[in-house]
Amino acid sequence: MPLVDISIARGRTPEQLRDLIANVHDAVEHSVGAAPENITVIVREVEPRYWARANQTVAERASANK
């Protein structure tokens, strides 16, 4: 019963997130042979101002690259 928990910065379209779920689901099914009905994929969207790496938020990094 694989559980895949994905955290991603908010800002993708619903279609992009649905595509992500489908591709991850397929990868798990094919790589470990899990039955499709046993695969769970969770996508957690995080506001860019609350996601930081190297003491810089995603929002700050995006502003600096404009």
Protein backbone atom coordinates (compact mmCIF):
# COMPACT_ATOMS: atom_id res chain seq x y z
CA MET A 1 0.00 0.00 0.00
CA PRO A 2 2.32 2.77 -1.20
CA LEU A 3 1.68 6.28 0.04
CA VAL A 4 3.39 9.12 -1.82
CA ASP A 5 3.27 12.51 -0.08
CA ILE A 6 4.32 15.45 -2.29
CA SER A 7 4.89 18.99 -1.05
CA ILE A 8 5.03 21.62 -3.77
CA ALA A 9 4.92 25.40 -3.86
CA ARG A 10 1.45 26.72 -4.72
CA GLY A 11 1.15 28.12 -8.21
CA ARG A 12 0.46 25.20 -10.56
CA THR A 13 -2.78 24.82 -12.46
CA PRO A 14 -5.26 22.11 -11.49
CA GLU A 15 -4.37 20.38 -14.76
CA GLN A 16 -0.65 20.35 -13.88
CA LEU A 17 -1.37 18.91 -10.45
CA ARG A 18 -3.66 16.25 -11.92
CA ASP A 19 -0.92 15.33 -14.40
CA LEU A 20 1.58 15.09 -11.54
CA ILE A 21 -0.73 12.75 -9.62
CA ALA A 22 -1.29 10.55 -12.68
CA ASN A 23 2.41 10.31 -13.51
CA VAL A 24 3.45 9.55 -9.93
CA HIS A 25 0.68 6.94 -9.65
CA ASP A 26 1.86 5.28 -12.87
CA ALA A 27 5.49 5.33 -11.75
CA VAL A 28 4.66 3.64 -8.46
CA GLU A 29 2.45 1.07 -10.16
CA HIS A 30 5.11 0.13 -12.68
CA SER A 31 8.22 0.38 -10.53
CA VAL A 32 7.04 -1.63 -7.52
CA GLY A 33 4.15 -3.56 -9.02
CA ALA A 34 1.56 -2.09 -6.67
CA ALA A 35 -2.09 -2.64 -7.43
CA PRO A 36 -3.61 0.65 -8.63
CA GLU A 37 -6.31 0.59 -5.97
CA ASN A 38 -3.65 0.45 -3.25
CA ILE A 39 -1.70 3.54 -4.32
CA THR A 40 -2.35 6.82 -2.53
CA VAL A 41 -0.90 10.13 -3.73
CA ILE A 42 -1.23 13.26 -1.61
CA VAL A 43 -0.28 16.70 -2.96
CA ARG A 44 0.22 19.46 -0.42
CA GLU A 45 0.51 22.97 -1.77
CA VAL A 46 2.54 25.40 0.30
CA GLU A 47 2.38 29.16 -0.09
CA PRO A 48 5.67 30.38 -1.66
CA ARG A 49 6.19 32.84 1.21
CA TYR A 50 6.24 29.90 3.67
CA TRP A 51 8.68 27.66 1.75
CA ALA A 52 12.35 28.47 2.20
CA ARG A 53 15.70 27.00 1.24
CA ALA A 54 19.06 28.51 2.13
CA ASN A 55 17.23 31.17 4.17
CA GLN A 56 15.36 32.51 1.13
CA THR A 57 11.70 31.88 0.45
CA VAL A 58 10.43 30.76 -2.93
CA ALA A 59 8.60 34.10 -3.19
CA GLU A 60 11.80 36.05 -2.48
CA ARG A 61 13.72 34.00 -5.02
CA ALA A 62 11.03 34.60 -7.65
CA SER A 63 11.09 38.37 -6.97
CA ALA A 64 14.87 38.47 -7.26
CA ASN A 65 14.78 36.70 -10.64
CA LYS A 66 12.42 39.21 -12.27
